[in-house]
């Protein structure tokens, strides 16, 4: 019996770890319909965005563009997905923020992912 447990334990652990890598680290329990309400063109700073949303999924052109991958729960709203490269599985929206030279949001777009 001990030999069987010793044999299957590493296989079971590998399966659990592989399953964990295949799913985005999403937490719908922290979903919020008002999550993006604070973002206003011409007013919201990059610092405020980073404080409220954390590190972006992607940074482009020297931080002129920040993107966040979001999940969505009908009942509770938006939630942030893991920054790890998990592809687009589970992503419902990609939030794209464009900043000016002073670090203020100039434009924002919430792109639905199909």
PDB file of N, CA and C in Angstrom:
ATOM      1  N   UNK A   1       0.823  -1.197   0.000  1.00  0.00           N
ATOM      2  CA  UNK A   1       0.000   0.000   0.000  1.00  0.00           C
ATOM      3  C   UNK A   1       0.864   1.257   0.000  1.00  0.00           C
ATOM      4  N   UNK A   2       1.943   1.222   0.818  1.00  0.00           N
ATOM      5  CA  UNK A   2       2.834   2.371   0.878  1.00  0.00           C
ATOM      6  C   UNK A   2       3.473   2.624  -0.483  1.00  0.00           C
ATOM      7  N   UNK A   3       3.824   1.565  -1.185  1.00  0.00           N
ATOM      8  CA  UNK A   3       4.457   1.674  -2.493  1.00  0.00           C
ATOM      9  C   UNK A   3       3.502   2.310  -3.496  1.00  0.00           C
ATOM     10  N   UNK A   4       2.234   1.945  -3.461  1.00  0.00           N
ATOM     11  CA  UNK A   4       1.233   2.519  -4.371  1.00  0.00           C
ATOM     12  C   UNK A   4       1.086   4.017  -4.119  1.00  0.00           C
ATOM     13  N   UNK A   5       1.013   4.421  -2.848  1.00  0.00           N
ATOM     14  CA  UNK A   5       0.884   5.835  -2.496  1.00  0.00           C
ATOM     15  C   UNK A   5       2.108   6.596  -2.963  1.00  0.00           C
ATOM     16  N   UNK A   6       3.284   6.041  -2.729  1.00  0.00           N
ATOM     17  CA  UNK A   6       4.524   6.691  -3.145  1.00  0.00           C
ATOM     18  C   UNK A   6       4.594   6.811  -4.663  1.00  0.00           C
ATOM     19  N   UNK A   7       4.024   5.848  -5.374  1.00  0.00           N
ATOM     20  CA  UNK A   7       4.038   5.859  -6.832  1.00  0.00           C
ATOM     21  C   UNK A   7       3.073   6.893  -7.409  1.00  0.00           C
ATOM     22  N   UNK A   8       1.854   6.975  -6.843  1.00  0.00           N
ATOM     23  CA  UNK A   8       0.834   7.843  -7.413  1.00  0.00           C
ATOM     24  C   UNK A   8       0.853   9.276  -6.884  1.00  0.00           C
ATOM     25  N   UNK A   9       1.471   9.513  -5.764  1.00  0.00           N
ATOM     26  CA  UNK A   9       1.509  10.870  -5.199  1.00  0.00           C
ATOM     27  C   UNK A   9       2.144  11.881  -6.157  1.00  0.00           C
ATOM     28  N   UNK A  10       3.318  11.583  -6.750  1.00  0.00           N
ATOM     29  CA  UNK A  10       3.905  12.556  -7.692  1.00  0.00           C
ATOM     30  C   UNK A  10       3.038  12.782  -8.935  1.00  0.00           C
ATOM     31  N   UNK A  11       2.360  11.736  -9.396  1.00  0.00           N
ATOM     32  CA  UNK A  11       1.493  11.856 -10.568  1.00  0.00           C
ATOM     33  C   UNK A  11       0.298  12.748 -10.249  1.00  0.00           C
ATOM     34  N   UNK A  12      -0.288  12.548  -9.082  1.00  0.00           N
ATOM     35  CA  UNK A  12      -1.414  13.368  -8.654  1.00  0.00           C
ATOM     36  C   UNK A  12      -0.983  14.826  -8.494  1.00  0.00           C
ATOM     37  N   UNK A  13       0.166  15.049  -7.870  1.00  0.00           N
ATOM     38  CA  UNK A  13       0.677  16.406  -7.680  1.00  0.00           C
ATOM     39  C   UNK A  13       0.922  17.080  -9.029  1.00  0.00           C
ATOM     40  N   UNK A  14       1.498  16.373  -9.985  1.00  0.00           N
ATOM     41  CA  UNK A  14       1.747  16.930 -11.316  1.00  0.00           C
ATOM     42  C   UNK A  14       0.432  17.311 -11.998  1.00  0.00           C
ATOM     43  N   UNK A  15      -0.590  16.483 -11.843  1.00  0.00           N
ATOM     44  CA  UNK A  15      -1.899  16.779 -12.431  1.00  0.00           C
ATOM     45  C   UNK A  15      -2.525  18.023 -11.829  1.00  0.00           C
ATOM     46  N   UNK A  16      -2.432  18.167 -10.525  1.00  0.00           N
ATOM     47  CA  UNK A  16      -2.983  19.345  -9.854  1.00  0.00           C
ATOM     48  C   UNK A  16      -2.247  20.605 -10.288  1.00  0.00           C
ATOM     49  N   UNK A  17      -0.920  20.527 -10.360  1.00  0.00           N
ATOM     50  CA  UNK A  17      -0.140  21.684 -10.786  1.00  0.00           C
ATOM     51  C   UNK A  17      -0.435  22.056 -12.229  1.00  0.00           C
ATOM     52  N   UNK A  18      -0.579  21.059 -13.091  1.00  0.00           N
ATOM     53  CA  UNK A  18      -0.893  21.338 -14.500  1.00  0.00           C
ATOM     54  C   UNK A  18      -2.259  21.988 -14.629  1.00  0.00           C
ATOM     55  N   UNK A  19      -3.229  21.535 -13.867  1.00  0.00           N
ATOM     56  CA  UNK A  19      -4.565  22.135 -13.915  1.00  0.00           C
ATOM     57  C   UNK A  19      -4.518  23.571 -13.428  1.00  0.00           C
ATOM     58  N   UNK A  20      -3.710  23.829 -12.433  1.00  0.00           N
ATOM     59  CA  UNK A  20      -3.570  25.198 -11.923  1.00  0.00           C
ATOM     60  C   UNK A  20      -2.969  26.116 -12.951  1.00  0.00           C
ATOM     61  N   UNK A  21      -2.058  25.606 -13.775  1.00  0.00           N
ATOM     62  CA  UNK A  21      -1.425  26.422 -14.809  1.00  0.00           C
ATOM     63  C   UNK A  21      -2.366  26.677 -15.981  1.00  0.00           C
ATOM     64  N   UNK A  22      -3.375  25.850 -16.131  1.00  0.00           N
ATOM     65  CA  UNK A  22      -4.256  25.968 -17.295  1.00  0.00           C
ATOM     66  C   UNK A  22      -5.396  26.943 -17.067  1.00  0.00           C
ATOM     67  N   UNK A  23      -5.620  27.345 -15.843  1.00  0.00           N
ATOM     68  CA  UNK A  23      -6.734  28.248 -15.580  1.00  0.00           C
ATOM     69  C   UNK A  23      -6.227  29.593 -15.102  1.00  0.00           C
ATOM     70  N   UNK A  24      -6.873  30.689 -15.516  1.00  0.00           N
ATOM     71  CA  UNK A  24      -6.425  31.990 -15.065  1.00  0.00           C
ATOM     72  C   UNK A  24      -6.679  32.154 -13.574  1.00  0.00           C
ATOM     73  N   UNK A  25      -5.810  32.948 -12.942  1.00  0.00           N
ATOM     74  CA  UNK A  25      -5.973  33.215 -11.516  1.00  0.00           C
ATOM     75  C   UNK A  25      -6.993  34.334 -11.372  1.00  0.00           C
ATOM     76  N   UNK A  26      -8.239  33.970 -11.474  1.00  0.00           N
ATOM     77  CA  UNK A  26      -9.329  34.938 -11.414  1.00  0.00           C
ATOM     78  C   UNK A  26     -10.043  34.794 -10.094  1.00  0.00           C
ATOM     79  N   UNK A  27     -10.543  35.879  -9.587  1.00  0.00           N
ATOM     80  CA  UNK A  27     -11.285  35.799  -8.350  1.00  0.00           C
ATOM     81  C   UNK A  27     -12.607  36.528  -8.494  1.00  0.00           C
ATOM     82  N   UNK A  28     -13.638  35.832  -9.004  1.00  0.00           N
ATOM     83  CA  UNK A  28     -14.949  36.454  -9.155  1.00  0.00           C
ATOM     84  C   UNK A  28     -15.539  36.912  -7.828  1.00  0.00           C
ATOM     85  N   UNK A  29     -14.993  36.417  -6.707  1.00  0.00           N
ATOM     86  CA  UNK A  29     -15.481  36.870  -5.405  1.00  0.00           C
ATOM     87  C   UNK A  29     -15.164  38.348  -5.180  1.00  0.00           C
ATOM     88  N   UNK A  30     -14.151  38.846  -5.914  1.00  0.00           N
ATOM     89  CA  UNK A  30     -13.797  40.259  -5.816  1.00  0.00           C
ATOM     90  C   UNK A  30     -14.370  41.064  -6.984  1.00  0.00           C
ATOM     91  N   UNK A  31     -15.363  40.504  -7.641  1.00  0.00           N
ATOM     92  CA  UNK A  31     -15.996  41.198  -8.769  1.00  0.00           C
ATOM     93  C   UNK A  31     -16.730  42.433  -8.279  1.00  0.00           C
ATOM     94  N   UNK A  32     -16.747  43.453  -9.139  1.00  0.00           N
ATOM     95  CA  UNK A  32     -17.350  44.726  -8.757  1.00  0.00           C
ATOM     96  C   UNK A  32     -17.864  45.434 -10.008  1.00  0.00           C
ATOM     97  N   UNK A  33     -19.165  45.700 -10.055  1.00  0.00           N
ATOM     98  CA  UNK A  33     -19.747  46.405 -11.205  1.00  0.00           C
ATOM     99  C   UNK A  33     -19.235  47.838 -11.308  1.00  0.00           C
ATOM    100  N   UNK A  34     -18.766  48.397 -10.207  1.00  0.00           N
ATOM    101  CA  UNK A  34     -18.277  49.772 -10.178  1.00  0.00           C
ATOM    102  C   UNK A  34     -16.752  49.861 -10.339  1.00  0.00           C
ATOM    103  N   UNK A  35     -16.081  48.741 -10.585  1.00  0.00           N
ATOM    104  CA  UNK A  35     -14.620  48.677 -10.609  1.00  0.00           C
ATOM    105  C   UNK A  35     -13.969  49.741 -11.493  1.00  0.00           C
ATOM    106  N   UNK A  36     -14.577  50.048 -12.613  1.00  0.00           N
ATOM    107  CA  UNK A  36     -13.956  50.951 -13.585  1.00  0.00           C
ATOM    108  C   UNK A  36     -14.519  52.364 -13.539  1.00  0.00           C
ATOM    109  N   UNK A  37     -15.450  52.622 -12.647  1.00  0.00           N
ATOM    110  CA  UNK A  37     -16.117  53.929 -12.573  1.00  0.00           C
ATOM    111  C   UNK A  37     -15.161  55.079 -12.260  1.00  0.00           C
ATOM    112  N   UNK A  38     -14.066  54.807 -11.584  1.00  0.00           N
ATOM    113  CA  UNK A  38     -13.140  55.868 -11.181  1.00  0.00           C
ATOM    114  C   UNK A  38     -12.331  56.431 -12.344  1.00  0.00           C
ATOM    115  N   UNK A  39     -12.291  55.736 -13.468  1.00  0.00           N
ATOM    116  CA  UNK A  39     -11.459  56.155 -14.600  1.00  0.00           C
ATOM    117  C   UNK A  39     -12.197  57.209 -15.428  1.00  0.00           C
ATOM    118  N   UNK A  40     -11.606  58.416 -15.485  1.00  0.00           N
ATOM    119  CA  UNK A  40     -12.185  59.518 -16.261  1.00  0.00           C
ATOM    120  C   UNK A  40     -11.128  60.091 -17.195  1.00  0.00           C
ATOM    121  N   UNK A  41     -11.487  60.230 -18.474  1.00  0.00           N
ATOM    122  CA  UNK A  41     -10.573  60.830 -19.448  1.00  0.00           C
ATOM    123  C   UNK A  41     -10.216  62.247 -19.005  1.00  0.00           C
ATOM    124  N   UNK A  42      -8.919  62.569 -19.101  1.00  0.00           N
ATOM    125  CA  UNK A  42      -8.451  63.913 -18.774  1.00  0.00           C
ATOM    126  C   UNK A  42      -8.296  64.183 -17.286  1.00  0.00           C
ATOM    127  N   UNK A  43      -8.631  63.211 -16.436  1.00  0.00           N
ATOM    128  CA  UNK A  43      -8.559  63.428 -14.985  1.00  0.00           C
ATOM    129  C   UNK A  43      -7.761  62.363 -14.235  1.00  0.00           C
ATOM    130  N   UNK A  44      -8.017  61.110 -14.528  1.00  0.00           N
ATOM    131  CA  UNK A  44      -7.419  60.021 -13.755  1.00  0.00           C
ATOM    132  C   UNK A  44      -5.946  59.849 -14.118  1.00  0.00           C
ATOM    133  N   UNK A  45      -5.103  59.741 -13.092  1.00  0.00           N
ATOM    134  CA  UNK A  45      -3.669  59.570 -13.322  1.00  0.00           C
ATOM    135  C   UNK A  45      -3.290  58.093 -13.375  1.00  0.00           C
ATOM    136  N   UNK A  46      -2.140  57.841 -13.979  1.00  0.00           N
ATOM    137  CA  UNK A  46      -1.607  56.482 -14.058  1.00  0.00           C
ATOM    138  C   UNK A  46      -1.378  55.940 -12.646  1.00  0.00           C
ATOM    139  N   UNK A  47      -0.921  56.788 -11.746  1.00  0.00           N
ATOM    140  CA  UNK A  47      -0.688  56.374 -10.364  1.00  0.00           C
ATOM    141  C   UNK A  47      -1.979  55.867  -9.717  1.00  0.00           C
ATOM    142  N   UNK A  48      -3.077  56.573  -9.943  1.00  0.00           N
ATOM    143  CA  UNK A  48      -4.369  56.147  -9.390  1.00  0.00           C
ATOM    144  C   UNK A  48      -4.793  54.815  -9.977  1.00  0.00           C
ATOM    145  N   UNK A  49      -4.617  54.651 -11.279  1.00  0.00           N
ATOM    146  CA  UNK A  49      -4.971  53.383 -11.937  1.00  0.00           C
ATOM    147  C   UNK A  49      -4.165  52.236 -11.338  1.00  0.00           C
ATOM    148  N   UNK A  50      -2.855  52.437 -11.188  1.00  0.00           N
ATOM    149  CA  UNK A  50      -1.998  51.385 -10.650  1.00  0.00           C
ATOM    150  C   UNK A  50      -2.346  51.062  -9.200  1.00  0.00           C
ATOM    151  N   UNK A  51      -2.701  52.070  -8.428  1.00  0.00           N
ATOM    152  CA  UNK A  51      -3.085  51.835  -7.032  1.00  0.00           C
ATOM    153  C   UNK A  51      -4.386  51.046  -6.927  1.00  0.00           C
ATOM    154  N   UNK A  52      -5.339  51.335  -7.816  1.00  0.00           N
ATOM    155  CA  UNK A  52      -6.647  50.682  -7.738  1.00  0.00           C
ATOM    156  C   UNK A  52      -6.703  49.329  -8.448  1.00  0.00           C
ATOM    157  N   UNK A  53      -5.989  49.208  -9.578  1.00  0.00           N
ATOM    158  CA  UNK A  53      -6.075  47.980 -10.372  1.00  0.00           C
ATOM    159  C   UNK A  53      -4.825  47.108 -10.282  1.00  0.00           C
ATOM    160  N   UNK A  54      -3.732  47.659  -9.781  1.00  0.00           N
ATOM    161  CA  UNK A  54      -2.493  46.890  -9.701  1.00  0.00           C
ATOM    162  C   UNK A  54      -1.733  46.905 -11.016  1.00  0.00           C
ATOM    163  N   UNK A  55      -0.779  46.006 -11.128  1.00  0.00           N
ATOM    164  CA  UNK A  55       0.041  45.937 -12.334  1.00  0.00           C
ATOM    165  C   UNK A  55      -0.790  45.480 -13.530  1.00  0.00           C
ATOM    166  N   UNK A  56      -0.590  46.118 -14.684  1.00  0.00           N
ATOM    167  CA  UNK A  56      -1.367  45.763 -15.879  1.00  0.00           C
ATOM    168  C   UNK A  56      -0.931  44.433 -16.483  1.00  0.00           C
ATOM    169  N   UNK A  57      -1.787  43.909 -17.343  1.00  0.00           N
ATOM    170  CA  UNK A  57      -1.462  42.688 -18.080  1.00  0.00           C
ATOM    171  C   UNK A  57      -0.379  42.959 -19.097  1.00  0.00           C
ATOM    172  N   UNK A  58      -0.406  44.161 -19.666  1.00  0.00           N
ATOM    173  CA  UNK A  58       0.571  44.527 -20.692  1.00  0.00           C
ATOM    174  C   UNK A  58       0.861  46.018 -20.614  1.00  0.00           C
ATOM    175  N   UNK A  59       2.113  46.375 -20.890  1.00  0.00           N
ATOM    176  CA  UNK A  59       2.557  47.766 -20.942  1.00  0.00           C
ATOM    177  C   UNK A  59       3.191  47.964 -22.312  1.00  0.00           C
ATOM    178  N   UNK A  60       2.778  49.031 -23.015  1.00  0.00           N
ATOM    179  CA  UNK A  60       3.299  49.286 -24.359  1.00  0.00           C
ATOM    180  C   UNK A  60       3.798  50.723 -24.490  1.00  0.00           C
ATOM    181  N   UNK A  61       4.749  50.914 -25.388  1.00  0.00           N
ATOM    182  CA  UNK A  61       5.299  52.231 -25.721  1.00  0.00           C
ATOM    183  C   UNK A  61       5.679  53.043 -24.491  1.00  0.00           C
ATOM    184  N   UNK A  62       6.525  52.458 -23.653  1.00  0.00           N
ATOM    185  CA  UNK A  62       7.031  53.177 -22.494  1.00  0.00           C
ATOM    186  C   UNK A  62       5.946  53.628 -21.536  1.00  0.00           C
ATOM    187  N   UNK A  63       4.965  52.782 -21.299  1.00  0.00           N
ATOM    188  CA  UNK A  63       3.846  53.032 -20.381  1.00  0.00           C
ATOM    189  C   UNK A  63       2.821  54.041 -20.894  1.00  0.00           C
ATOM    190  N   UNK A  64       2.851  54.321 -22.197  1.00  0.00           N
ATOM    191  CA  UNK A  64       1.797  55.173 -22.767  1.00  0.00           C
ATOM    192  C   UNK A  64       0.476  54.402 -22.814  1.00  0.00           C
ATOM    193  N   UNK A  65       0.566  53.092 -23.020  1.00  0.00           N
ATOM    194  CA  UNK A  65      -0.610  52.221 -23.072  1.00  0.00           C
ATOM    195  C   UNK A  65      -0.511  51.171 -21.963  1.00  0.00           C
ATOM    196  N   UNK A  66      -1.567  51.015 -21.188  1.00  0.00           N
ATOM    197  CA  UNK A  66      -1.674  49.938 -20.209  1.00  0.00           C
ATOM    198  C   UNK A  66      -2.919  49.139 -20.550  1.00  0.00           C
ATOM    199  N   UNK A  67      -2.830  47.824 -20.437  1.00  0.00           N
ATOM    200  CA  UNK A  67      -4.010  47.000 -20.674  1.00  0.00           C
ATOM    201  C   UNK A  67      -4.241  46.080 -19.480  1.00  0.00           C
ATOM    202  N   UNK A  68      -5.500  45.780 -19.227  1.00  0.00           N
ATOM    203  CA  UNK A  68      -5.894  44.880 -18.153  1.00  0.00           C
ATOM    204  C   UNK A  68      -6.869  43.861 -18.712  1.00  0.00           C
ATOM    205  N   UNK A  69      -6.622  42.588 -18.425  1.00  0.00           N
ATOM    206  CA  UNK A  69      -7.539  41.525 -18.831  1.00  0.00           C
ATOM    207  C   UNK A  69      -8.557  41.334 -17.714  1.00  0.00           C
ATOM    208  N   UNK A  70      -9.822  41.379 -18.105  1.00  0.00           N
ATOM    209  CA  UNK A  70     -10.905  41.308 -17.124  1.00  0.00           C
ATOM    210  C   UNK A  70     -11.845  40.152 -17.399  1.00  0.00           C
ATOM    211  N   UNK A  71     -12.320  39.573 -16.325  1.00  0.00           N
ATOM    212  CA  UNK A  71     -13.405  38.615 -16.399  1.00  0.00           C
ATOM    213  C   UNK A  71     -14.676  39.372 -16.060  1.00  0.00           C
ATOM    214  N   UNK A  72     -15.814  38.738 -16.256  1.00  0.00           N
ATOM    215  CA  UNK A  72     -17.075  39.396 -15.925  1.00  0.00           C
ATOM    216  C   UNK A  72     -18.064  38.364 -15.411  1.00  0.00           C
ATOM    217  N   UNK A  73     -18.691  38.706 -14.322  1.00  0.00           N
ATOM    218  CA  UNK A  73     -19.716  37.879 -13.718  1.00  0.00           C
ATOM    219  C   UNK A  73     -21.024  38.665 -13.787  1.00  0.00           C
ATOM    220  N   UNK A  74     -22.054  38.078 -14.389  1.00  0.00           N
ATOM    221  CA  UNK A  74     -23.342  38.773 -14.576  1.00  0.00           C
ATOM    222  C   UNK A  74     -23.895  39.375 -13.284  1.00  0.00           C
ATOM    223  N   UNK A  75     -23.763  38.645 -12.217  1.00  0.00           N
ATOM    224  CA  UNK A  75     -24.339  39.088 -10.953  1.00  0.00           C
ATOM    225  C   UNK A  75     -23.498  40.148 -10.241  1.00  0.00           C
ATOM    226  N   UNK A  76     -22.151  39.987 -10.303  1.00  0.00           N
ATOM    227  CA  UNK A  76     -21.280  40.835  -9.491  1.00  0.00           C
ATOM    228  C   UNK A  76     -20.449  41.857 -10.260  1.00  0.00           C
ATOM    229  N   UNK A  77     -20.172  41.613 -11.531  1.00  0.00           N
ATOM    230  CA  UNK A  77     -19.430  42.589 -12.324  1.00  0.00           C
ATOM    231  C   UNK A  77     -18.050  42.137 -12.766  1.00  0.00           C
ATOM    232  N   UNK A  78     -17.158  43.132 -12.951  1.00  0.00           N
ATOM    233  CA  UNK A  78     -15.811  42.891 -13.468  1.00  0.00           C
ATOM    234  C   UNK A  78     -14.877  42.374 -12.382  1.00  0.00           C
ATOM    235  N   UNK A  79     -13.879  41.599 -12.814  1.00  0.00           N
ATOM    236  CA  UNK A  79     -12.802  41.194 -11.922  1.00  0.00           C
ATOM    237  C   UNK A  79     -11.521  41.044 -12.735  1.00  0.00           C
ATOM    238  N   UNK A  80     -10.403  41.321 -12.085  1.00  0.00           N
ATOM    239  CA  UNK A  80      -9.098  41.252 -12.740  1.00  0.00           C
ATOM    240  C   UNK A  80      -8.639  39.813 -12.876  1.00  0.00           C
ATOM    241  N   UNK A  81      -7.994  39.519 -13.999  1.00  0.00           N
ATOM    242  CA  UNK A  81      -7.413  38.201 -14.217  1.00  0.00           C
ATOM    243  C   UNK A  81      -5.922  38.284 -13.956  1.00  0.00           C
ATOM    244  N   UNK A  82      -5.329  37.154 -13.714  1.00  0.00           N
ATOM    245  CA  UNK A  82      -3.911  37.037 -13.413  1.00  0.00           C
ATOM    246  C   UNK A  82      -3.056  37.682 -14.501  1.00  0.00           C
ATOM    247  N   UNK A  83      -1.927  38.223 -14.099  1.00  0.00           N
ATOM    248  CA  UNK A  83      -0.989  38.841 -15.038  1.00  0.00           C
ATOM    249  C   UNK A  83      -0.128  37.801 -15.746  1.00  0.00           C
ATOM    250  N   UNK A  84      -0.153  36.569 -15.261  1.00  0.00           N
ATOM    251  CA  UNK A  84       0.651  35.502 -15.866  1.00  0.00           C
ATOM    252  C   UNK A  84       0.170  35.241 -17.296  1.00  0.00           C
ATOM    253  N   UNK A  85       1.081  34.835 -18.170  1.00  0.00           N
ATOM    254  CA  UNK A  85       0.700  34.592 -19.567  1.00  0.00           C
ATOM    255  C   UNK A  85      -0.149  33.332 -19.724  1.00  0.00           C
ATOM    256  N   UNK A  86      -1.458  33.475 -19.573  1.00  0.00           N
ATOM    257  CA  UNK A  86      -2.356  32.328 -19.694  1.00  0.00           C
ATOM    258  C   UNK A  86      -3.170  32.403 -20.980  1.00  0.00           C
ATOM    259  N   UNK A  87      -2.783  33.263 -21.888  1.00  0.00           N
ATOM    260  CA  UNK A  87      -3.562  33.431 -23.097  1.00  0.00           C
ATOM    261  C   UNK A  87      -4.829  34.224 -22.803  1.00  0.00           C
ATOM    262  N   UNK A  88      -5.845  33.933 -23.561  1.00  0.00           N
ATOM    263  CA  UNK A  88      -7.087  34.710 -23.423  1.00  0.00           C
ATOM    264  C   UNK A  88      -8.210  33.895 -22.801  1.00  0.00           C
ATOM    265  N   UNK A  89      -7.898  32.719 -22.268  1.00  0.00           N
ATOM    266  CA  UNK A  89      -8.902  31.878 -21.648  1.00  0.00           C
ATOM    267  C   UNK A  89      -9.533  32.590 -20.442  1.00  0.00           C
ATOM    268  N   UNK A  90     -10.848  32.684 -20.439  1.00  0.00           N
ATOM    269  CA  UNK A  90     -11.553  33.312 -19.330  1.00  0.00           C
ATOM    270  C   UNK A  90     -11.652  34.817 -19.426  1.00  0.00           C
ATOM    271  N   UNK A  91     -10.981  35.405 -20.407  1.00  0.00           N
ATOM    272  CA  UNK A  91     -11.008  36.864 -20.560  1.00  0.00           C
ATOM    273  C   UNK A  91     -12.289  37.268 -21.278  1.00  0.00           C
ATOM    274  N   UNK A  92     -13.044  38.169 -20.683  1.00  0.00           N
ATOM    275  CA  UNK A  92     -14.271  38.684 -21.296  1.00  0.00           C
ATOM    276  C   UNK A  92     -14.042  40.060 -21.903  1.00  0.00           C
ATOM    277  N   UNK A  93     -13.154  40.838 -21.265  1.00  0.00           N
ATOM    278  CA  UNK A  93     -12.865  42.196 -21.734  1.00  0.00           C
ATOM    279  C   UNK A  93     -11.379  42.494 -21.599  1.00  0.00           C
ATOM    280  N   UNK A  94     -10.890  43.357 -22.476  1.00  0.00           N
ATOM    281  CA  UNK A  94      -9.542  43.894 -22.364  1.00  0.00           C
ATOM    282  C   UNK A  94      -9.697  45.405 -22.213  1.00  0.00           C
ATOM    283  N   UNK A  95      -9.297  45.924 -21.068  1.00  0.00           N
ATOM    284  CA  UNK A  95      -9.355  47.362 -20.823  1.00  0.00           C
ATOM    285  C   UNK A  95      -8.061  47.971 -21.342  1.00  0.00           C
ATOM    286  N   UNK A  96      -8.168  48.936 -22.264  1.00  0.00           N
ATOM    287  CA  UNK A  96      -7.007  49.610 -22.836  1.00  0.00           C
ATOM    288  C   UNK A  96      -7.054  51.065 -22.396  1.00  0.00           C
ATOM    289  N   UNK A  97      -5.971  51.504 -21.762  1.00  0.00           N
ATOM    290  CA  UNK A  97      -5.874  52.885 -21.292  1.00  0.00           C
ATOM    291  C   UNK A  97      -4.729  53.576 -22.018  1.00  0.00           C
ATOM    292  N   UNK A  98      -5.000  54.793 -22.513  1.00  0.00           N
ATOM    293  CA  UNK A  98      -3.991  55.583 -23.215  1.00  0.00           C
ATOM    294  C   UNK A  98      -3.695  56.812 -22.360  1.00  0.00           C
ATOM    295  N   UNK A  99      -2.402  57.025 -22.042  1.00  0.00           N
ATOM    296  CA  UNK A  99      -1.978  58.140 -21.191  1.00  0.00           C
ATOM    297  C   UNK A  99      -1.213  59.184 -21.987  1.00  0.00           C
ATOM    298  N   UNK A 100      -1.322  60.446 -21.550  1.00  0.00           N
ATOM    299  CA  UNK A 100      -0.525  61.512 -22.169  1.00  0.00           C
ATOM    300  C   UNK A 100       0.856  61.547 -21.509  1.00  0.00           C
ATOM    301  N   UNK A 101       1.683  62.508 -21.890  1.00  0.00           N
ATOM    302  CA  UNK A 101       3.038  62.631 -21.356  1.00  0.00           C
ATOM    303  C   UNK A 101       3.085  62.925 -19.870  1.00  0.00           C
ATOM    304  N   UNK A 102       1.997  63.420 -19.304  1.00  0.00           N
ATOM    305  CA  UNK A 102       1.944  63.726 -17.872  1.00  0.00           C
ATOM    306  C   UNK A 102       1.377  62.559 -17.060  1.00  0.00           C
ATOM    307  N   UNK A 103       1.024  61.478 -17.747  1.00  0.00           N
ATOM    308  CA  UNK A 103       0.507  60.306 -17.050  1.00  0.00           C
ATOM    309  C   UNK A 103      -0.966  60.403 -16.699  1.00  0.00           C
ATOM    310  N   UNK A 104      -1.729  61.131 -17.517  1.00  0.00           N
ATOM    311  CA  UNK A 104      -3.175  61.272 -17.302  1.00  0.00           C
ATOM    312  C   UNK A 104      -3.905  60.517 -18.415  1.00  0.00           C
ATOM    313  N   UNK A 105      -4.954  59.801 -18.044  1.00  0.00           N
ATOM    314  CA  UNK A 105      -5.733  59.040 -19.025  1.00  0.00           C
ATOM    315  C   UNK A 105      -6.315  59.995 -20.066  1.00  0.00           C
ATOM    316  N   UNK A 106      -6.040  59.718 -21.337  1.00  0.00           N
ATOM    317  CA  UNK A 106      -6.607  60.508 -22.425  1.00  0.00           C
ATOM    318  C   UNK A 106      -7.790  59.793 -23.071  1.00  0.00           C
ATOM    319  N   UNK A 107      -7.653  58.460 -23.159  1.00  0.00           N
ATOM    320  CA  UNK A 107      -8.727  57.647 -23.739  1.00  0.00           C
ATOM    321  C   UNK A 107      -8.737  56.298 -23.047  1.00  0.00           C
ATOM    322  N   UNK A 108      -9.906  55.695 -23.061  1.00  0.00           N
ATOM    323  CA  UNK A 108     -10.031  54.333 -22.525  1.00  0.00           C
ATOM    324  C   UNK A 108     -10.996  53.570 -23.417  1.00  0.00           C
ATOM    325  N   UNK A 109     -10.771  52.285 -23.477  1.00  0.00           N
ATOM    326  CA  UNK A 109     -11.644  51.437 -24.288  1.00  0.00           C
ATOM    327  C   UNK A 109     -11.766  50.085 -23.605  1.00  0.00           C
ATOM    328  N   UNK A 110     -12.987  49.609 -23.512  1.00  0.00           N
ATOM    329  CA  UNK A 110     -13.263  48.300 -22.943  1.00  0.00           C
ATOM    330  C   UNK A 110     -13.659  47.403 -24.110  1.00  0.00           C
ATOM    331  N   UNK A 111     -12.730  46.580 -24.555  1.00  0.00           N
ATOM    332  CA  UNK A 111     -12.905  45.759 -25.741  1.00  0.00           C
ATOM    333  C   UNK A 111     -13.424  44.385 -25.336  1.00  0.00           C
ATOM    334  N   UNK A 112     -14.582  44.003 -25.884  1.00  0.00           N
ATOM    335  CA  UNK A 112     -15.142  42.689 -25.585  1.00  0.00           C
ATOM    336  C   UNK A 112     -14.375  41.623 -26.364  1.00  0.00           C
ATOM    337  N   UNK A 113     -14.008  40.553 -25.665  1.00  0.00           N
ATOM    338  CA  UNK A 113     -13.274  39.449 -26.276  1.00  0.00           C
ATOM    339  C   UNK A 113     -14.241  38.306 -26.552  1.00  0.00           C
ATOM    340  N   UNK A 114     -14.212  37.812 -27.783  1.00  0.00           N
ATOM    341  CA  UNK A 114     -15.115  36.711 -28.163  1.00  0.00           C
ATOM    342  C   UNK A 114     -14.363  35.418 -28.286  1.00  0.00           C
TER     343      UNK A 114
END
